[in-house]
Amino acid sequence: MGETDFASAATLRELGDRMVAFLSHKTAFDRLNIGLIDREAYEFIDVYVYGQNVAGRETGHRRTLTGTVVEAAIAAGDGTWAGGDEETLLSRFPRFGPVLESGIRAMLAVPLRRDDRVVAALVLASSDPDAFDDEVLQLARWVGEAASLRIVDLTG
C-alpha cells in the first residue's frame, strides 16, 4: 500500500492525508481541501482540510459556489487556477476576501466527477501568487481523478 493507493483509504482523513503526502512531494502548497458539491443548494461543503487556516473555512463549513475558484473550475470543465495581487483576485473572485486575509495568494481547483456529474472539488492554495501552472493543474487533475470514487464512497 503506497501513498498513491487512494482506493484503499479507510477514512476521508486517511484519503486526504495520502493526497497531501503525494502532492507535497511534487509541488508546493500551503493548504489542501476537499469539498463536496451540493448542486441543488449551489454550495461547497468542506469535508477535509489540511494546512494553513482560513477563517470560516474549516471542515464542515458550507458556502456558496457563486464567485469562487471552485465555480470557475466547474465552468472550465477540468479545473483552473488563479494567482496575483488582492485587487486582481477580488475582481475575479468576490468571495476571496477571507482567503486573502489568511495570506493565500493563489488557488487551484479541480472538479471531481462520478458518472459525469461533479460531486466534489480538490482545492490547493498557496501564499506564493505564482505557485500554480498547467503542470500543477495536470497533476491535481490526475490525483483528483484517482481519488474521486473513494471520496464519494466515503462521504455517502
N, C-alpha and C. Protein backbone atom coordinates (compact mmCIF):
# COMPACT_ATOMS: atom_id res chain seq x y z
N MET A 1 0.85 -1.18 0.00
CA MET A 1 0.00 0.00 0.00
C MET A 1 0.89 1.24 0.00
N GLY A 2 0.79 2.07 -1.02
CA GLY A 2 1.61 3.26 -1.12
C GLY A 2 0.79 4.52 -0.93
N GLU A 3 1.49 5.65 -0.96
CA GLU A 3 0.80 6.92 -0.75
C GLU A 3 -0.15 7.27 -1.88
N THR A 4 -0.01 6.63 -3.04
CA THR A 4 -0.94 6.88 -4.14
C THR A 4 -2.05 5.83 -4.19
N ASP A 5 -2.10 4.96 -3.22
CA ASP A 5 -3.16 3.95 -3.15
C ASP A 5 -4.39 4.58 -2.50
N PHE A 6 -5.04 5.45 -3.25
CA PHE A 6 -6.18 6.19 -2.70
C PHE A 6 -7.39 5.28 -2.48
N ALA A 7 -7.57 4.28 -3.31
CA ALA A 7 -8.77 3.44 -3.26
C ALA A 7 -8.91 2.65 -1.97
N SER A 8 -7.81 2.38 -1.27
CA SER A 8 -7.90 1.56 -0.06
C SER A 8 -8.01 2.39 1.21
N ALA A 9 -8.05 3.71 1.10
CA ALA A 9 -8.17 4.55 2.30
C ALA A 9 -9.46 4.22 3.05
N ALA A 10 -9.34 4.02 4.35
CA ALA A 10 -10.49 3.61 5.16
C ALA A 10 -11.34 4.79 5.62
N THR A 11 -10.74 5.98 5.65
CA THR A 11 -11.46 7.17 6.10
C THR A 11 -11.13 8.34 5.18
N LEU A 12 -11.95 9.36 5.24
CA LEU A 12 -11.69 10.56 4.46
C LEU A 12 -10.40 11.22 4.92
N ARG A 13 -10.12 11.19 6.22
CA ARG A 13 -8.88 11.76 6.75
C ARG A 13 -7.68 11.02 6.14
N GLU A 14 -7.74 9.70 6.12
CA GLU A 14 -6.64 8.92 5.55
C GLU A 14 -6.47 9.21 4.06
N LEU A 15 -7.56 9.31 3.34
CA LEU A 15 -7.51 9.63 1.92
C LEU A 15 -6.89 11.00 1.70
N GLY A 16 -7.37 12.00 2.43
CA GLY A 16 -6.82 13.34 2.30
C GLY A 16 -5.34 13.39 2.65
N ASP A 17 -4.96 12.67 3.72
CA ASP A 17 -3.55 12.64 4.11
C ASP A 17 -2.68 12.00 3.03
N ARG A 18 -3.20 10.98 2.37
CA ARG A 18 -2.45 10.36 1.27
C ARG A 18 -2.31 11.33 0.09
N MET A 19 -3.36 12.08 -0.18
CA MET A 19 -3.29 13.07 -1.26
C MET A 19 -2.25 14.14 -0.93
N VAL A 20 -2.25 14.61 0.32
CA VAL A 20 -1.27 15.60 0.76
C VAL A 20 0.14 15.04 0.63
N ALA A 21 0.35 13.80 1.11
CA ALA A 21 1.69 13.19 1.05
C ALA A 21 2.18 13.10 -0.39
N PHE A 22 1.32 12.67 -1.28
CA PHE A 22 1.71 12.54 -2.68
C PHE A 22 2.00 13.90 -3.30
N LEU A 23 1.07 14.83 -3.17
CA LEU A 23 1.21 16.14 -3.82
C LEU A 23 2.36 16.96 -3.24
N SER A 24 2.62 16.84 -1.94
CA SER A 24 3.68 17.65 -1.33
C SER A 24 5.07 17.25 -1.83
N HIS A 25 5.20 16.05 -2.38
CA HIS A 25 6.47 15.64 -2.98
C HIS A 25 6.61 16.16 -4.41
N LYS A 26 5.53 16.65 -4.98
CA LYS A 26 5.53 17.08 -6.39
C LYS A 26 5.42 18.58 -6.58
N THR A 27 4.80 19.28 -5.61
CA THR A 27 4.57 20.72 -5.76
C THR A 27 4.42 21.35 -4.38
N ALA A 28 4.62 22.66 -4.31
CA ALA A 28 4.49 23.38 -3.05
C ALA A 28 3.08 23.96 -2.91
N PHE A 29 2.50 23.80 -1.73
CA PHE A 29 1.21 24.41 -1.42
C PHE A 29 1.11 24.56 0.09
N ASP A 30 0.25 25.45 0.53
CA ASP A 30 0.07 25.72 1.96
C ASP A 30 -1.22 25.14 2.51
N ARG A 31 -2.12 24.77 1.63
CA ARG A 31 -3.43 24.28 2.07
C ARG A 31 -4.01 23.37 1.00
N LEU A 32 -4.69 22.33 1.45
CA LEU A 32 -5.43 21.46 0.55
C LEU A 32 -6.77 21.21 1.19
N ASN A 33 -7.82 21.35 0.42
CA ASN A 33 -9.12 20.96 0.95
C ASN A 33 -9.92 20.23 -0.12
N ILE A 34 -10.78 19.36 0.39
CA ILE A 34 -11.71 18.61 -0.45
C ILE A 34 -13.09 19.06 -0.03
N GLY A 35 -13.91 19.39 -1.00
CA GLY A 35 -15.27 19.81 -0.69
C GLY A 35 -16.28 19.10 -1.56
N LEU A 36 -17.38 18.74 -0.95
CA LEU A 36 -18.48 18.16 -1.70
C LEU A 36 -19.28 19.27 -2.35
N ILE A 37 -19.82 18.99 -3.52
CA ILE A 37 -20.63 19.96 -4.24
C ILE A 37 -22.10 19.59 -4.07
N ASP A 38 -22.87 20.52 -3.52
CA ASP A 38 -24.32 20.36 -3.44
C ASP A 38 -24.91 21.22 -4.55
N ARG A 39 -25.20 20.60 -5.68
CA ARG A 39 -25.67 21.35 -6.85
C ARG A 39 -27.03 21.99 -6.62
N GLU A 40 -27.90 21.33 -5.87
CA GLU A 40 -29.24 21.90 -5.62
C GLU A 40 -29.15 23.17 -4.79
N ALA A 41 -28.33 23.16 -3.76
CA ALA A 41 -28.16 24.35 -2.91
C ALA A 41 -27.09 25.29 -3.47
N TYR A 42 -26.37 24.86 -4.50
CA TYR A 42 -25.26 25.58 -5.10
C TYR A 42 -24.23 25.96 -4.04
N GLU A 43 -23.80 24.91 -3.29
CA GLU A 43 -22.86 25.11 -2.20
C GLU A 43 -21.69 24.13 -2.29
N PHE A 44 -20.64 24.50 -1.57
CA PHE A 44 -19.41 23.73 -1.44
C PHE A 44 -19.27 23.44 0.05
N ILE A 45 -19.12 22.17 0.43
CA ILE A 45 -19.03 21.78 1.84
C ILE A 45 -17.67 21.15 2.08
N ASP A 46 -16.84 21.80 2.91
CA ASP A 46 -15.51 21.27 3.21
C ASP A 46 -15.63 19.98 4.01
N VAL A 47 -15.03 18.89 3.50
CA VAL A 47 -15.05 17.62 4.22
C VAL A 47 -13.65 17.18 4.64
N TYR A 48 -12.63 17.83 4.11
CA TYR A 48 -11.24 17.57 4.52
C TYR A 48 -10.47 18.86 4.34
N VAL A 49 -9.72 19.25 5.37
CA VAL A 49 -8.90 20.46 5.30
C VAL A 49 -7.53 20.15 5.89
N TYR A 50 -6.49 20.53 5.17
CA TYR A 50 -5.12 20.36 5.63
C TYR A 50 -4.39 21.69 5.44
N GLY A 51 -3.57 22.05 6.42
CA GLY A 51 -2.66 23.17 6.24
C GLY A 51 -3.16 24.49 6.79
N GLN A 52 -2.76 25.54 6.12
CA GLN A 52 -2.99 26.90 6.58
C GLN A 52 -4.46 27.17 6.88
N ASN A 53 -4.71 27.76 8.03
CA ASN A 53 -6.07 28.07 8.45
C ASN A 53 -6.61 29.27 7.66
N VAL A 54 -7.86 29.16 7.26
CA VAL A 54 -8.60 30.26 6.66
C VAL A 54 -9.87 30.41 7.48
N ALA A 55 -10.07 31.57 8.09
CA ALA A 55 -11.23 31.79 8.95
C ALA A 55 -12.52 31.45 8.22
N GLY A 56 -13.36 30.65 8.87
CA GLY A 56 -14.64 30.29 8.30
C GLY A 56 -14.57 29.21 7.23
N ARG A 57 -13.43 28.60 7.05
CA ARG A 57 -13.27 27.58 6.01
C ARG A 57 -12.76 26.27 6.62
N GLU A 58 -13.35 25.88 7.74
CA GLU A 58 -12.95 24.66 8.42
C GLU A 58 -13.79 23.48 7.92
N THR A 59 -13.40 22.28 8.32
CA THR A 59 -14.16 21.08 7.98
C THR A 59 -15.61 21.26 8.43
N GLY A 60 -16.53 20.95 7.54
CA GLY A 60 -17.96 21.08 7.84
C GLY A 60 -18.57 22.40 7.40
N HIS A 61 -17.73 23.37 7.03
CA HIS A 61 -18.24 24.68 6.62
C HIS A 61 -18.90 24.59 5.24
N ARG A 62 -20.04 25.26 5.10
CA ARG A 62 -20.76 25.34 3.82
C ARG A 62 -20.68 26.77 3.32
N ARG A 63 -20.50 26.92 2.02
CA ARG A 63 -20.51 28.26 1.43
C ARG A 63 -21.01 28.17 -0.01
N THR A 64 -21.49 29.28 -0.49
CA THR A 64 -22.00 29.32 -1.85
C THR A 64 -20.86 29.11 -2.85
N LEU A 65 -21.19 28.54 -3.96
CA LEU A 65 -20.22 28.39 -5.05
C LEU A 65 -20.06 29.69 -5.83
N THR A 66 -21.05 30.57 -5.76
CA THR A 66 -21.05 31.81 -6.52
C THR A 66 -19.79 32.63 -6.24
N GLY A 67 -19.09 33.00 -7.28
CA GLY A 67 -17.92 33.87 -7.15
C GLY A 67 -16.69 33.19 -6.59
N THR A 68 -16.59 31.87 -6.72
CA THR A 68 -15.45 31.14 -6.16
C THR A 68 -14.58 30.51 -7.24
N VAL A 69 -13.37 30.12 -6.84
CA VAL A 69 -12.48 29.41 -7.74
C VAL A 69 -13.09 28.06 -8.11
N VAL A 70 -13.80 27.44 -7.18
CA VAL A 70 -14.44 26.15 -7.47
C VAL A 70 -15.50 26.33 -8.56
N GLU A 71 -16.29 27.38 -8.49
CA GLU A 71 -17.28 27.64 -9.54
C GLU A 71 -16.58 27.81 -10.89
N ALA A 72 -15.47 28.55 -10.91
CA ALA A 72 -14.73 28.74 -12.16
C ALA A 72 -14.15 27.43 -12.67
N ALA A 73 -13.71 26.56 -11.76
CA ALA A 73 -13.17 25.26 -12.16
C ALA A 73 -14.25 24.39 -12.79
N ILE A 74 -15.44 24.42 -12.22
CA ILE A 74 -16.56 23.65 -12.77
C ILE A 74 -16.94 24.21 -14.14
N ALA A 75 -16.99 25.54 -14.26
CA ALA A 75 -17.33 26.17 -15.54
C ALA A 75 -16.29 25.84 -16.61
N ALA A 76 -15.02 25.78 -16.21
CA ALA A 76 -13.95 25.44 -17.15
C ALA A 76 -14.01 23.98 -17.56
N GLY A 77 -14.62 23.17 -16.73
CA GLY A 77 -14.79 21.76 -17.04
C GLY A 77 -13.76 20.85 -16.43
N ASP A 78 -12.52 21.30 -16.39
CA ASP A 78 -11.48 20.42 -15.87
C ASP A 78 -10.51 21.11 -14.92
N GLY A 79 -10.90 22.27 -14.41
CA GLY A 79 -10.09 22.94 -13.39
C GLY A 79 -9.55 24.27 -13.85
N THR A 80 -9.07 25.02 -12.87
CA THR A 80 -8.48 26.33 -13.13
C THR A 80 -7.62 26.72 -11.95
N TRP A 81 -6.82 27.74 -12.15
CA TRP A 81 -6.07 28.32 -11.04
C TRP A 81 -6.08 29.83 -11.21
N ALA A 82 -5.80 30.50 -10.09
CA ALA A 82 -5.73 31.95 -10.10
C ALA A 82 -4.68 32.37 -9.09
N GLY A 83 -3.94 33.40 -9.42
CA GLY A 83 -2.95 33.94 -8.50
C GLY A 83 -2.71 35.39 -8.84
N GLY A 84 -2.19 36.13 -7.87
CA GLY A 84 -1.88 37.52 -8.13
C GLY A 84 -2.13 38.41 -6.94
N ASP A 85 -2.28 39.69 -7.23
CA ASP A 85 -2.49 40.65 -6.15
C ASP A 85 -3.96 40.65 -5.72
N GLU A 86 -4.20 41.29 -4.57
CA GLU A 86 -5.55 41.29 -3.99
C GLU A 86 -6.61 41.83 -4.94
N GLU A 87 -6.32 42.96 -5.57
CA GLU A 87 -7.31 43.59 -6.44
C GLU A 87 -7.71 42.68 -7.60
N THR A 88 -6.72 42.06 -8.22
CA THR A 88 -6.99 41.15 -9.34
C THR A 88 -7.83 39.96 -8.89
N LEU A 89 -7.44 39.36 -7.77
CA LEU A 89 -8.17 38.19 -7.27
C LEU A 89 -9.59 38.53 -6.86
N LEU A 90 -9.77 39.65 -6.16
CA LEU A 90 -11.12 40.03 -5.71
C LEU A 90 -12.02 40.42 -6.88
N SER A 91 -11.44 40.99 -7.93
CA SER A 91 -12.28 41.35 -9.08
C SER A 91 -12.78 40.10 -9.80
N ARG A 92 -11.98 39.06 -9.78
CA ARG A 92 -12.39 37.81 -10.44
C ARG A 92 -13.21 36.91 -9.52
N PHE A 93 -12.84 36.89 -8.23
CA PHE A 93 -13.50 36.01 -7.25
C PHE A 93 -13.90 36.83 -6.03
N PRO A 94 -15.08 37.42 -6.03
CA PRO A 94 -15.50 38.32 -4.96
C PRO A 94 -15.51 37.69 -3.56
N ARG A 95 -15.60 36.39 -3.45
CA ARG A 95 -15.64 35.73 -2.14
C ARG A 95 -14.26 35.31 -1.65
N PHE A 96 -13.23 35.86 -2.24
CA PHE A 96 -11.85 35.52 -1.93
C PHE A 96 -11.32 36.24 -0.69
N GLY A 97 -12.08 37.18 -0.13
CA GLY A 97 -11.63 38.01 0.99
C GLY A 97 -11.02 37.25 2.16
N PRO A 98 -11.74 36.29 2.77
CA PRO A 98 -11.18 35.55 3.91
C PRO A 98 -9.90 34.79 3.54
N VAL A 99 -9.82 34.34 2.31
CA VAL A 99 -8.63 33.62 1.86
C VAL A 99 -7.45 34.58 1.79
N LEU A 100 -7.65 35.77 1.23
CA LEU A 100 -6.60 36.77 1.16
C LEU A 100 -6.14 37.19 2.55
N GLU A 101 -7.08 37.35 3.47
CA GLU A 101 -6.74 37.73 4.83
C GLU A 101 -5.83 36.71 5.50
N SER A 102 -5.91 35.46 5.09
CA SER A 102 -5.08 34.41 5.67
C SER A 102 -3.67 34.38 5.07
N GLY A 103 -3.45 35.15 4.01
CA GLY A 103 -2.14 35.18 3.36
C GLY A 103 -2.06 34.38 2.08
N ILE A 104 -3.13 33.70 1.72
CA ILE A 104 -3.17 32.93 0.48
C ILE A 104 -3.21 33.90 -0.70
N ARG A 105 -2.39 33.63 -1.73
CA ARG A 105 -2.35 34.48 -2.91
C ARG A 105 -2.57 33.72 -4.21
N ALA A 106 -2.78 32.40 -4.11
CA ALA A 106 -3.07 31.60 -5.31
C ALA A 106 -3.90 30.39 -4.92
N MET A 107 -4.84 30.04 -5.79
CA MET A 107 -5.66 28.84 -5.57
C MET A 107 -5.80 28.09 -6.88
N LEU A 108 -5.93 26.79 -6.74
CA LEU A 108 -6.15 25.90 -7.87
C LEU A 108 -7.29 24.98 -7.48
N ALA A 109 -8.25 24.79 -8.36
CA ALA A 109 -9.38 23.91 -8.08
C ALA A 109 -9.62 22.98 -9.25
N VAL A 110 -9.94 21.73 -8.91
CA VAL A 110 -10.24 20.71 -9.91
C VAL A 110 -11.56 20.05 -9.53
N PRO A 111 -12.54 20.06 -10.43
CA PRO A 111 -13.79 19.36 -10.14
C PRO A 111 -13.58 17.84 -10.19
N LEU A 112 -14.23 17.14 -9.27
CA LEU A 112 -14.14 15.69 -9.21
C LEU A 112 -15.49 15.12 -9.62
N ARG A 113 -15.44 14.14 -10.50
CA ARG A 113 -16.68 13.61 -11.09
C ARG A 113 -16.90 12.15 -10.75
N ARG A 114 -18.15 11.81 -10.77
CA ARG A 114 -18.58 10.41 -10.73
C ARG A 114 -19.73 10.31 -11.72
N ASP A 115 -19.62 9.42 -12.66
CA ASP A 115 -20.65 9.25 -13.70
C ASP A 115 -20.94 10.57 -14.41
N ASP A 116 -19.91 11.30 -14.78
CA ASP A 116 -20.02 12.58 -15.50
C ASP A 116 -20.73 13.68 -14.72
N ARG A 117 -20.86 13.51 -13.43
CA ARG A 117 -21.52 14.51 -12.57
C ARG A 117 -20.48 15.04 -11.59
N VAL A 118 -20.36 16.37 -11.46
CA VAL A 118 -19.42 16.95 -10.50
C VAL A 118 -19.98 16.72 -9.10
N VAL A 119 -19.19 16.03 -8.27
CA VAL A 119 -19.64 15.69 -6.92
C VAL A 119 -18.77 16.32 -5.84
N ALA A 120 -17.57 16.76 -6.21
CA ALA A 120 -16.65 17.32 -5.23
C ALA A 120 -15.62 18.16 -5.96
N ALA A 121 -14.74 18.79 -5.18
CA ALA A 121 -13.63 19.54 -5.76
C ALA A 121 -12.41 19.39 -4.87
N LEU A 122 -11.27 19.33 -5.52
CA LEU A 122 -9.97 19.34 -4.85
C LEU A 122 -9.43 20.75 -5.01
N VAL A 123 -9.03 21.37 -3.90
CA VAL A 123 -8.54 22.75 -3.94
C VAL A 123 -7.17 22.82 -3.28
N LEU A 124 -6.21 23.41 -3.98
CA LEU A 124 -4.89 23.70 -3.43
C LEU A 124 -4.77 25.20 -3.28
N ALA A 125 -4.06 25.64 -2.25
CA ALA A 125 -3.86 27.07 -2.04
C ALA A 125 -2.42 27.32 -1.63
N SER A 126 -1.91 28.50 -1.99
CA SER A 126 -0.52 28.84 -1.70
C SER A 126 -0.39 30.33 -1.38
N SER A 127 0.60 30.64 -0.55
CA SER A 127 0.92 32.04 -0.28
C SER A 127 1.74 32.64 -1.42
N ASP A 128 2.26 31.81 -2.30
CA ASP A 128 3.02 32.26 -3.47
C ASP A 128 2.05 32.51 -4.63
N PRO A 129 1.93 33.75 -5.10
CA PRO A 129 0.97 34.04 -6.17
C PRO A 129 1.29 33.33 -7.49
N ASP A 130 2.51 32.83 -7.63
CA ASP A 130 2.92 32.14 -8.86
C ASP A 130 3.10 30.64 -8.65
N ALA A 131 2.44 30.08 -7.66
CA ALA A 131 2.65 28.67 -7.29
C ALA A 131 2.13 27.69 -8.32
N PHE A 132 1.11 28.06 -9.06
CA PHE A 132 0.44 27.09 -9.92
C PHE A 132 0.59 27.41 -11.40
N ASP A 133 0.61 26.35 -12.20
CA ASP A 133 0.72 26.46 -13.65
C ASP A 133 0.03 25.25 -14.27
N ASP A 134 0.14 25.11 -15.58
CA ASP A 134 -0.52 23.99 -16.27
C ASP A 134 -0.04 22.63 -15.77
N GLU A 135 1.24 22.54 -15.44
CA GLU A 135 1.80 21.27 -14.96
C GLU A 135 1.17 20.87 -13.61
N VAL A 136 1.04 21.82 -12.71
CA VAL A 136 0.43 21.54 -11.40
C VAL A 136 -1.05 21.23 -11.58
N LEU A 137 -1.71 21.95 -12.48
CA LEU A 137 -3.12 21.67 -12.75
C LEU A 137 -3.29 20.23 -13.27
N GLN A 138 -2.42 19.81 -14.16
CA GLN A 138 -2.49 18.44 -14.69
C GLN A 138 -2.27 17.41 -13.57
N LEU A 139 -1.33 17.67 -12.69
CA LEU A 139 -1.07 16.79 -11.55
C LEU A 139 -2.30 16.71 -10.65
N ALA A 140 -2.89 17.86 -10.34
CA ALA A 140 -4.08 17.88 -9.49
C ALA A 140 -5.24 17.14 -10.15
N ARG A 141 -5.37 17.27 -11.45
CA ARG A 141 -6.42 16.52 -12.17
C ARG A 141 -6.22 15.02 -12.01
N TRP A 142 -4.97 14.57 -12.15
CA TRP A 142 -4.67 13.15 -12.03
C TRP A 142 -5.00 12.65 -10.62
N VAL A 143 -4.57 13.39 -9.61
CA VAL A 143 -4.84 13.00 -8.22
C VAL A 143 -6.34 13.00 -7.96
N GLY A 144 -7.02 14.03 -8.42
CA GLY A 144 -8.47 14.11 -8.23
C GLY A 144 -9.20 12.96 -8.89
N GLU A 145 -8.79 12.63 -10.10
CA GLU A 145 -9.43 11.51 -10.81
C GLU A 145 -9.16 10.19 -10.08
N ALA A 146 -7.93 10.02 -9.59
CA ALA A 146 -7.57 8.79 -8.90
C ALA A 146 -8.32 8.64 -7.57
N ALA A 147 -8.65 9.75 -6.94
CA ALA A 147 -9.28 9.71 -5.62
C ALA A 147 -10.79 9.92 -5.64
N SER A 148 -11.35 10.36 -6.74
CA SER A 148 -12.75 10.79 -6.74
C SER A 148 -13.75 9.71 -6.35
N LEU A 149 -13.57 8.50 -6.84
CA LEU A 149 -14.52 7.44 -6.49
C LEU A 149 -14.49 7.14 -5.00
N ARG A 150 -13.30 7.16 -4.42
CA ARG A 150 -13.19 6.88 -2.98
C ARG A 150 -13.79 8.01 -2.17
N ILE A 151 -13.64 9.24 -2.61
CA ILE A 151 -14.25 10.37 -1.90
C ILE A 151 -15.76 10.18 -1.84
N VAL A 152 -16.34 9.84 -2.96
CA VAL A 152 -17.80 9.62 -3.00
C VAL A 152 -18.18 8.46 -2.09
N ASP A 153 -17.44 7.36 -2.16
CA ASP A 153 -17.75 6.21 -1.31
C ASP A 153 -17.68 6.55 0.18
N LEU A 154 -16.70 7.36 0.56
CA LEU A 154 -16.50 7.69 1.97
C LEU A 154 -17.47 8.75 2.49
N THR A 155 -18.05 9.52 1.59
CA THR A 155 -18.95 10.60 2.03
C THR A 155 -20.41 10.27 1.81
N GLY A 156 -20.67 9.11 1.27
CA GLY A 156 -22.04 8.62 1.19
C GLY A 156 -22.80 9.02 0.01
